[in-house]
Protein backbone atom coordinates (compact mmCIF):
# COMPACT_ATOMS: atom_id res chain seq x y z
CA MET A 1 -82.34 -37.65 -41.85
CA ARG A 2 -85.43 -38.94 -40.14
CA ALA A 3 -84.60 -37.05 -36.96
CA ILE A 4 -84.04 -33.82 -38.89
CA ALA A 5 -87.29 -34.19 -40.77
CA LEU A 6 -89.19 -34.86 -37.55
CA TYR A 7 -87.82 -31.73 -35.90
CA ALA A 8 -88.53 -29.61 -38.97
CA LEU A 9 -92.14 -30.74 -38.78
CA ILE A 10 -92.33 -29.87 -35.10
CA LEU A 11 -90.76 -26.45 -35.60
CA PHE A 12 -93.25 -25.53 -38.31
CA SER A 13 -96.16 -26.40 -36.02
CA GLY A 14 -95.49 -23.23 -33.97
CA ALA A 15 -95.88 -22.44 -30.28
CA LEU A 16 -99.06 -20.66 -29.24
CA SER A 17 -98.05 -19.31 -25.86
CA SER A 18 -96.62 -16.36 -23.96
CA PRO A 19 -93.74 -17.86 -21.97
CA THR A 20 -91.51 -15.88 -19.66
CA PHE A 21 -87.95 -16.48 -18.49
CA ALA A 22 -87.41 -16.30 -14.75
CA THR A 23 -83.89 -14.97 -15.25
CA SER A 24 -83.05 -11.83 -17.21
CA PRO A 25 -80.46 -11.79 -20.01
CA PRO A 26 -76.93 -10.85 -18.88
CA GLN A 27 -76.25 -7.12 -18.61
CA THR A 28 -73.51 -5.46 -20.63
CA SER A 29 -73.29 -2.23 -18.61
CA ALA A 30 -74.44 -0.72 -15.33
CA ARG A 31 -78.04 0.42 -15.09
CA ASP A 32 -79.17 3.91 -14.20
CA TRP A 33 -79.11 5.06 -10.58
CA GLN A 34 -82.35 4.71 -8.63
CA LYS A 35 -83.23 6.54 -5.44
CA TRP A 36 -83.29 4.42 -2.30
CA HIS A 37 -83.99 5.75 1.21
CA GLY A 38 -82.06 9.00 0.83
CA GLY A 39 -79.32 7.45 -1.31
CA TRP A 40 -78.78 5.97 -4.75
CA VAL A 41 -78.33 2.36 -5.90
CA ARG A 42 -77.89 0.62 -9.24
CA LEU A 43 -77.12 -2.76 -10.79
CA GLU A 44 -73.57 -3.13 -12.05
CA ALA A 45 -72.72 -4.92 -15.29
CA ASP A 46 -72.15 -8.19 -13.38
CA GLY A 47 -75.64 -7.99 -11.83
CA ASN A 48 -74.50 -6.99 -8.33
CA LEU A 49 -76.11 -4.08 -6.51
CA SER A 50 -74.03 -1.01 -5.62
CA CYS A 51 -74.50 2.31 -3.87
CA LEU A 52 -73.26 5.77 -4.86
CA SER A 53 -69.78 6.24 -3.41
CA THR A 54 -66.46 7.90 -4.21
CA ASN A 55 -64.22 5.60 -2.18
CA GLY A 56 -65.81 2.17 -2.66
CA THR A 57 -66.43 1.89 1.07
CA ASN A 58 -68.92 4.51 2.28
CA CYS A 59 -72.24 5.29 0.59
CA TYR A 60 -73.86 8.70 0.17
CA TRP A 61 -77.08 8.42 2.18
CA HIS A 62 -79.24 10.99 4.02
CA HIS A 63 -80.09 12.94 0.82
CA GLN A 64 -76.50 14.11 0.43
CA VAL A 65 -76.70 13.80 -3.36
CA THR A 66 -79.79 15.13 -5.12
CA ASP A 67 -78.96 13.87 -8.62
CA PRO A 68 -76.13 11.46 -9.53
CA LYS A 69 -76.07 12.82 -13.09
CA THR A 70 -75.05 16.27 -11.87
CA PHE A 71 -72.88 15.08 -9.00
CA SER A 72 -69.70 17.19 -9.12
CA GLY A 73 -67.70 15.54 -6.38
CA GLN A 74 -64.82 13.13 -6.81
CA PRO A 75 -64.92 10.42 -9.49
CA LEU A 76 -67.43 7.74 -8.58
CA GLN A 77 -66.24 4.44 -7.11
CA PRO A 78 -69.44 2.58 -6.11
CA LEU A 79 -69.51 0.21 -3.14
CA VAL A 80 -70.56 -3.11 -4.68
CA CYS A 81 -72.49 -5.66 -2.63
CA GLY A 82 -71.25 -9.23 -2.42
CA ILE A 83 -67.59 -10.20 -2.43
CA ALA A 84 -66.36 -6.59 -2.73
CA HIS A 85 -68.57 -5.49 0.17
CA ALA A 86 -67.35 -8.42 2.28
CA GLY A 87 -63.75 -7.38 1.68
CA LYS A 88 -64.45 -3.87 2.94
CA TRP A 89 -66.83 -4.68 5.80
CA GLY A 90 -65.46 -7.58 7.83
CA GLY A 91 -66.67 -10.44 5.66
CA ARG A 92 -70.28 -9.19 5.46
CA SER A 93 -71.57 -9.39 1.89
CA GLY A 94 -74.74 -7.38 2.54
CA TYR A 95 -76.81 -10.05 0.82
CA ASN A 96 -76.44 -12.77 3.44
CA ASP A 97 -74.85 -12.09 6.83
CA ALA A 98 -74.35 -14.29 9.88
CA ASP A 99 -74.28 -11.49 12.48
CA ASN A 100 -76.64 -8.73 13.48
CA LEU A 101 -74.28 -5.77 13.02
CA SER A 102 -76.11 -4.79 9.84
CA GLY A 103 -79.55 -5.64 11.20
CA ASP A 104 -82.25 -7.63 9.47
CA ARG A 105 -82.67 -4.94 6.81
CA HIS A 106 -79.31 -4.40 5.15
CA TRP A 107 -79.60 -2.06 2.18
CA CYS A 108 -77.95 -4.56 -0.21
CA ARG A 109 -80.67 -7.18 0.08
CA SER A 110 -83.57 -4.81 0.81
CA ALA A 111 -82.89 -2.43 -2.08
CA TYR A 112 -82.30 -5.30 -4.50
CA ALA A 113 -85.44 -7.14 -3.34
CA THR A 114 -87.57 -4.00 -3.64
CA LEU A 115 -86.30 -2.56 -6.92
CA PHE A 116 -84.86 -5.38 -9.04
CA ALA A 117 -85.79 -8.89 -7.89
CA LYS A 118 -88.17 -10.99 -10.03
CA TRP A 119 -90.57 -12.80 -7.68
CA GLU A 120 -91.98 -16.18 -8.61
CA ASP A 121 -95.08 -17.91 -7.22
CA TYR A 122 -93.98 -21.38 -6.03
CA SER A 123 -97.46 -22.71 -5.26
CA THR A 124 -97.27 -25.27 -8.07
CA LEU A 125 -94.19 -26.73 -6.40
CA GLY A 126 -95.88 -27.04 -3.03
CA ALA A 127 -94.80 -23.80 -1.30
CA LYS A 128 -97.27 -20.91 -1.23
CA VAL A 129 -94.59 -18.23 -1.03
CA TRP A 130 -92.94 -15.70 -3.35
CA LEU A 131 -89.32 -16.66 -4.05
CA SER A 132 -86.40 -15.06 -5.83
CA GLU A 133 -82.64 -15.06 -5.32
CA THR A 134 -79.91 -12.59 -4.50
CA PRO A 135 -77.40 -11.63 -7.21
CA ALA A 136 -74.99 -14.02 -5.46
CA GLY A 137 -77.44 -16.90 -5.96
CA ASP A 138 -78.93 -17.53 -2.51
CA ALA A 139 -82.67 -18.21 -2.44
CA MET A 140 -84.80 -15.64 -0.64
CA CYS A 141 -88.48 -15.18 0.10
CA HIS A 142 -90.46 -11.96 -0.14
CA SER A 143 -90.94 -10.46 3.31
CA ALA A 144 -91.96 -7.18 4.92
CA ASP A 145 -89.95 -7.71 8.10
CA GLY A 146 -87.00 -9.92 7.14
CA ARG A 147 -88.36 -12.77 9.25
CA THR A 148 -91.68 -14.02 7.83
CA CYS A 149 -92.32 -14.97 4.20
CA THR A 150 -95.17 -13.21 2.42
CA PRO A 151 -97.81 -15.85 1.55
CA VAL A 152 -99.24 -16.19 -1.94
CA LYS A 153 -102.93 -15.29 -1.89
CA GLU A 154 -105.37 -16.77 -4.37
CA GLY A 155 -105.79 -14.55 -7.40
CA ASP A 156 -102.52 -12.64 -6.92
CA ASP A 157 -100.08 -12.58 -9.83
CA ALA A 158 -97.44 -10.61 -7.91
CA PRO A 159 -96.52 -9.89 -4.28
CA PRO A 160 -97.70 -6.68 -2.57
CA THR A 161 -96.14 -3.46 -3.85
CA GLY A 162 -95.77 0.04 -2.50
CA ALA A 163 -93.59 -0.73 0.53
CA ALA A 164 -89.96 -1.72 1.01
CA VAL A 165 -89.19 -5.45 0.82
CA HIS A 166 -86.89 -6.91 3.48
CA PRO A 167 -86.32 -10.50 2.30
CA LEU A 168 -85.51 -13.58 4.34
CA VAL A 169 -82.39 -15.09 2.74
CA CYS A 170 -81.47 -18.78 2.96
CA GLY A 171 -78.11 -19.61 4.48
CA ALA A 172 -76.38 -17.41 7.08
CA HIS A 173 -79.22 -14.89 7.36
CA LEU A 174 -81.90 -17.52 7.94
CA ASN A 175 -79.60 -19.41 10.28
CA ARG A 176 -79.14 -16.33 12.45
CA ILE A 177 -82.89 -15.79 12.69
CA ALA A 178 -84.29 -19.35 12.74
CA LYS A 179 -81.24 -21.49 13.69
CA LYS A 180 -81.29 -23.31 10.34
CA THR A 181 -79.93 -22.52 6.90
CA GLY A 182 -82.87 -24.07 5.03
CA TYR A 183 -80.53 -25.70 2.52
CA ASP A 184 -80.00 -28.81 4.63
CA GLU A 185 -83.56 -29.40 5.83
CA PRO A 186 -85.62 -31.78 3.65
CA GLY A 187 -88.79 -30.14 2.36
CA HIS A 188 -87.74 -26.57 3.21
CA TRP A 189 -88.54 -23.93 0.58
CA CYS A 190 -84.82 -23.08 0.39
CA GLN A 191 -84.26 -26.45 -1.30
CA LEU A 192 -86.72 -25.75 -4.10
CA PRO A 193 -85.10 -25.48 -7.54
CA ARG A 194 -84.86 -22.34 -9.63
CA ILE A 195 -87.65 -21.62 -12.11
CA LEU A 196 -85.85 -21.03 -15.40
CA TYR A 197 -88.91 -20.77 -17.59
CA ARG A 198 -92.65 -20.44 -17.13
CA ALA A 199 -95.48 -20.58 -19.67
CA VAL A 200 -99.23 -20.54 -19.05
CA ASP A 201 -102.39 -21.46 -20.95
CA LEU A 202 -100.73 -23.59 -23.61
CA PRO A 203 -103.19 -25.04 -26.13
CA VAL A 204 -102.90 -28.77 -26.76
CA SER A 205 -103.62 -30.17 -30.18
CA HIS A 206 -104.83 -33.69 -30.88
CA VAL A 207 -103.39 -33.51 -34.41
CA ASP A 208 -100.14 -31.50 -34.47
CA TRP A 209 -97.25 -31.40 -32.03
CA ARG A 210 -96.88 -28.08 -30.23
CA ASP A 211 -93.41 -26.89 -29.32
CA LEU A 212 -91.50 -24.48 -27.09
CA LYS A 213 -87.83 -23.57 -27.07
CA THR A 214 -86.60 -23.46 -23.46
CA PRO A 215 -83.16 -22.93 -21.86
CA ALA A 216 -80.48 -25.52 -22.62
CA TRP A 217 -79.40 -27.86 -19.82
CA THR A 218 -77.02 -30.64 -18.83
CA SER A 219 -77.69 -33.50 -16.45
CA ASP A 220 -75.59 -31.75 -13.78
CA ASP A 221 -78.25 -29.00 -13.72
CA GLU A 222 -80.81 -31.59 -12.56
CA PRO A 223 -83.40 -30.14 -14.96
CA ALA A 224 -87.09 -30.87 -14.57
CA VAL A 225 -90.19 -30.13 -16.61
CA VAL A 226 -93.40 -29.74 -14.62
CA ILE A 227 -96.91 -29.17 -15.91
CA ARG A 228 -100.17 -28.36 -14.16
CA THR A 229 -103.35 -29.30 -15.98
CA LYS A 230 -106.52 -31.37 -15.95
CA VAL A 231 -106.47 -34.22 -18.45
CA PRO A 232 -109.95 -34.96 -19.85
CA GLU A 233 -111.45 -38.23 -18.63
CA GLY A 234 -110.09 -41.20 -20.53
CA ARG A 235 -107.51 -39.15 -22.45
CA SER A 236 -103.71 -38.91 -22.34
CA LEU A 237 -101.14 -36.16 -22.79
CA LYS A 238 -97.63 -36.78 -24.16
CA LEU A 239 -94.77 -34.46 -23.20
CA ILE A 240 -91.47 -34.94 -25.04
CA THR A 241 -88.10 -33.17 -24.80
CA SER A 242 -85.06 -33.36 -27.05
CA ALA A 243 -81.98 -34.86 -25.43
CA ARG A 244 -78.49 -36.12 -26.08
CA LEU A 245 -78.23 -39.73 -24.92
CA ALA A 246 -75.26 -41.98 -24.15
CA SER A 247 -75.64 -45.71 -24.62
CA LYS A 248 -74.16 -48.80 -26.28
CA ASP A 249 -75.27 -50.40 -29.51
CA TRP A 250 -75.87 -54.09 -30.16
CA ARG A 251 -72.10 -54.60 -30.55
CA ASP A 252 -71.55 -53.20 -27.03
CA VAL A 253 -69.88 -50.09 -28.48
CA ALA A 254 -70.42 -46.85 -26.55
CA PHE A 255 -71.91 -43.91 -28.44
CA SER A 256 -73.85 -40.71 -27.88
CA ASP A 257 -76.64 -39.54 -30.11
CA GLY A 258 -79.64 -37.28 -30.20
CA GLY A 259 -82.99 -38.58 -29.15
CA GLN A 260 -86.18 -37.77 -27.36
CA VAL A 261 -87.41 -38.73 -23.92
CA GLY A 262 -90.82 -38.07 -22.48
CA PHE A 263 -93.84 -39.04 -20.51
CA GLU A 264 -97.44 -39.93 -21.18
CA PHE A 265 -100.03 -39.58 -18.44
CA GLY A 266 -103.76 -39.24 -17.90
CA SER A 267 -105.66 -42.41 -18.74
CA ARG A 268 -102.30 -44.20 -18.57
CA LEU A 269 -98.80 -43.49 -17.30
CA ARG A 270 -95.77 -44.60 -19.25
CA PHE A 271 -92.28 -43.64 -20.34
CA HIS A 272 -91.25 -42.75 -23.90
CA LEU A 273 -87.89 -43.17 -25.56
CA ASP A 274 -86.69 -42.50 -29.10
CA VAL A 275 -82.99 -43.04 -29.84
CA ASN A 276 -83.01 -43.73 -33.57
CA GLY A 277 -84.96 -40.75 -34.87
CA ASP A 278 -87.84 -42.93 -36.02
CA GLY A 279 -90.54 -40.87 -34.34
CA ILE A 280 -92.15 -41.07 -30.93
CA ASP A 281 -92.40 -44.77 -30.22
CA PRO A 282 -93.91 -45.46 -26.78
CA TRP A 283 -92.09 -48.04 -24.74
CA PRO A 284 -94.07 -48.99 -21.59
CA LEU A 285 -92.08 -49.04 -18.37
CA TRP A 286 -94.99 -49.07 -15.96
CA ILE A 287 -98.74 -48.67 -16.09
CA LEU A 288 -100.74 -47.21 -13.21
CA PRO A 289 -104.42 -46.32 -12.77
CA ARG A 290 -105.45 -42.91 -14.09
CA THR A 291 -105.55 -40.05 -11.61
CA GLY A 292 -108.53 -37.97 -12.71
CA GLY A 293 -109.06 -34.33 -11.81
CA GLY A 294 -106.30 -31.73 -11.61
CA ILE A 295 -102.73 -32.94 -11.71
CA THR A 296 -99.19 -31.63 -11.28
CA ALA A 297 -96.80 -33.99 -13.04
CA GLY A 298 -93.39 -33.98 -14.62
CA MET A 299 -90.04 -35.56 -15.35
CA LYS A 300 -86.58 -34.88 -14.01
CA VAL A 301 -83.05 -35.72 -15.16
CA THR A 302 -80.69 -36.55 -12.30
CA SER A 303 -76.98 -35.73 -12.05
CA ARG A 304 -76.19 -39.35 -12.92
CA GLY A 305 -78.14 -39.13 -16.16
CA ASN A 306 -81.14 -41.10 -14.94
CA MET A 307 -84.73 -39.90 -15.14
CA CYS A 308 -87.59 -39.99 -12.68
CA PHE A 309 -91.25 -39.19 -13.06
CA PHE A 310 -93.66 -37.82 -10.50
CA ASN A 311 -97.23 -36.74 -10.12
CA ALA A 312 -99.33 -35.03 -7.47
CA PRO A 313 -102.93 -35.98 -8.24
CA ASP A 314 -104.40 -33.40 -5.87
CA GLY A 315 -103.03 -30.55 -7.96
CA ALA A 316 -99.79 -29.78 -6.08
CA PRO A 317 -97.19 -31.67 -4.04
CA ARG A 318 -98.21 -32.19 -0.42
CA ASP A 319 -96.47 -31.10 2.78
CA GLY A 320 -94.67 -28.28 1.00
CA GLN A 321 -92.27 -30.76 -0.62
CA PHE A 322 -91.46 -30.83 -4.29
CA ILE A 323 -91.24 -34.34 -5.74
CA ALA A 324 -91.94 -35.82 -2.31
CA LEU A 325 -91.57 -39.57 -1.99
CA ASN A 326 -95.31 -40.06 -2.17
CA ALA A 327 -95.38 -38.19 -5.50
CA LEU A 328 -92.83 -40.35 -7.33
CA ILE A 329 -94.34 -42.80 -9.79
CA GLY A 330 -91.17 -44.35 -11.12
CA ASN A 331 -87.47 -43.90 -11.62
CA THR A 332 -84.86 -45.14 -14.01
CA VAL A 333 -82.48 -47.45 -12.20
CA PRO A 334 -81.61 -48.81 -14.66
CA LEU A 335 -83.23 -47.23 -17.72
CA ARG A 336 -82.76 -49.27 -20.89
CA THR A 337 -83.24 -48.83 -24.60
CA PRO A 338 -85.66 -51.05 -26.54
CA ILE A 339 -82.75 -53.41 -27.31
CA GLY A 340 -81.98 -53.76 -23.61
CA GLN A 341 -78.95 -51.48 -23.34
CA PRO A 342 -78.64 -49.01 -20.41
CA PHE A 343 -78.33 -45.34 -21.30
CA GLN A 344 -77.82 -41.95 -19.70
CA VAL A 345 -79.36 -38.60 -20.50
CA LEU A 346 -76.46 -36.17 -21.00
CA SER A 347 -77.94 -32.82 -22.05
CA SER A 348 -80.51 -31.05 -24.18
CA ALA A 349 -80.34 -29.77 -27.74
CA PRO A 350 -78.35 -32.19 -29.86
CA PRO A 351 -76.54 -30.08 -32.48
CA TRP A 352 -78.45 -31.36 -35.45
CA GLU A 353 -78.97 -29.35 -38.59
CA ASN A 354 -81.79 -26.77 -38.38
CA VAL A 355 -82.28 -27.35 -34.62
CA PRO A 356 -81.64 -24.17 -32.56
CA THR A 357 -79.62 -24.10 -29.34
CA GLY A 358 -81.80 -24.78 -26.33
CA ALA A 359 -84.20 -27.51 -25.28
CA LEU A 360 -87.14 -28.27 -27.55
CA LEU A 361 -90.27 -29.31 -25.65
CA THR A 362 -93.19 -30.75 -27.60
CA TRP A 363 -96.59 -32.03 -26.57
CA ARG A 364 -99.73 -33.56 -28.01
CA SER A 365 -102.88 -35.20 -26.68
CA ASP A 366 -105.56 -37.53 -27.92
CA ALA A 367 -108.11 -35.23 -26.26
CA PRO A 368 -110.51 -33.10 -28.32
CA SER A 369 -109.75 -29.44 -29.06
CA GLY A 370 -110.09 -26.95 -26.23
CA PHE A 371 -107.75 -28.80 -23.87
CA LYS A 372 -104.82 -26.77 -22.50
CA ILE A 373 -101.84 -26.95 -20.15
CA ASP A 374 -102.53 -24.44 -17.38
CA GLU A 375 -98.88 -23.98 -16.45
CA LEU A 376 -95.52 -25.34 -17.60
CA LEU A 377 -92.27 -24.88 -15.64
CA VAL A 378 -88.66 -25.69 -16.48
CA LEU A 379 -86.51 -26.04 -13.35
CA ALA A 380 -82.85 -26.43 -12.37
CA ALA A 381 -80.95 -27.01 -9.14
CA ARG A 382 -79.69 -23.90 -7.35
CA ARG A 383 -76.01 -23.03 -7.08
CA VAL A 384 -75.40 -20.93 -3.99
CA PRO A 385 -72.32 -19.25 -2.48
CA VAL A 386 -70.10 -21.28 -0.19
CA GLU A 387 -70.41 -19.74 3.28
CA GLY A 388 -67.38 -17.67 4.24
CA ASP A 389 -65.65 -18.02 0.86
CA LEU A 390 -64.57 -14.73 -0.76
CA THR A 391 -63.48 -16.18 -4.10
CA GLY A 392 -66.93 -16.78 -5.56
CA LYS A 393 -67.10 -20.55 -5.07
CA LYS A 394 -70.56 -22.08 -5.21
CA ARG A 395 -72.19 -25.37 -4.28
CA LYS A 396 -75.20 -27.08 -5.81
CA ILE A 397 -78.37 -27.58 -3.78
CA SER A 398 -79.66 -30.90 -5.10
CA TYR A 399 -83.33 -31.77 -4.88
CA ALA A 400 -85.25 -35.05 -5.11
CA GLU A 401 -82.11 -37.15 -5.02
CA ASP A 402 -84.17 -40.07 -3.73
CA CYS A 403 -85.58 -40.66 -7.20
CA ASP A 404 -82.16 -42.03 -8.17
CA ARG A 405 -82.39 -44.71 -5.54
CA LEU A 406 -86.00 -45.86 -5.33
CA PRO A 407 -86.95 -49.18 -6.96
CA VAL A 408 -89.03 -49.03 -10.11
CA PRO A 409 -92.68 -49.82 -9.25
CA LEU A 410 -94.19 -52.78 -11.08
């Protein structure tokens, strides 16, 4: 009952923010046709791009159809990019091709990137580029020529508009152009995780806990929570997330239960754990000098159920790397409960009464009123298509795996 009461209190505190999801809700039907370079394209119900066609192989381009709504030809059978396109066109998906037969500006990726892609600024994660992903899941950067990423300029909240976008896509496309896929090169922007959720200008109370409901996750997603802010001198900020934990009790009996894990930083840096629902009880794991000034900091759950914590005191990770080795401030090998038992973090959102599905993030500071979190991100590892596979198989692009292996600093 204590855990339920605590969450009820947090939920009533309310979230004073305007968060946005980086991924759109699933579609239930195809969208309307949109004109593209003398032809017509649309998003199908599964999120893939298609072109106007009556045989599923050849598109109507060159202004052959003036209005799809009044098209009186044969019944429509759109050519759908991705696996279907690869089956019709020699293994080329249109999104990510290894040869130059379709050029650097295939209509599948260019039309999608121009009309439908949601572009995210990755500056906070150490890469000053606009990133999105193809409907198949490959990461891609905004580009005008299909070869050079468009840089993020200070003050911009979106990439340039008004011209066609010809993205640079990680994997086969990038490998053909730059002789590297990007997925296997440490520090490359292709290895950056997906941004699932972004919120800005979040007020921080020194009395009540603030809360946000964010997408649910499991440890296999390698979720991370990152914030960018400036902690007032001599003050601390606590960031807590709900989690399902697996551990053993004093009788050495395995169990899983709901709890909270989090991080306190600013004037001090330390780990928080609450397994028993008795409130947020800080349990010091390490203490380091305060950073001062702007900071990008966060916590990440690894595939093995461990946690690591990181901070970039200069405001963003250096060298274009997210959670670079020099940004880690501690990991959890092994992480133990207050009674000395090891535990794993399994997932978010324990199914307690009155707690909605999703991850509940809460925060509070001992700083005076007027303090805010400039930006908050929730991240997850990418899952990208397996090269050459036409069955839809995907592989996970892990990031910051080293935090599972580094020794805990004293």
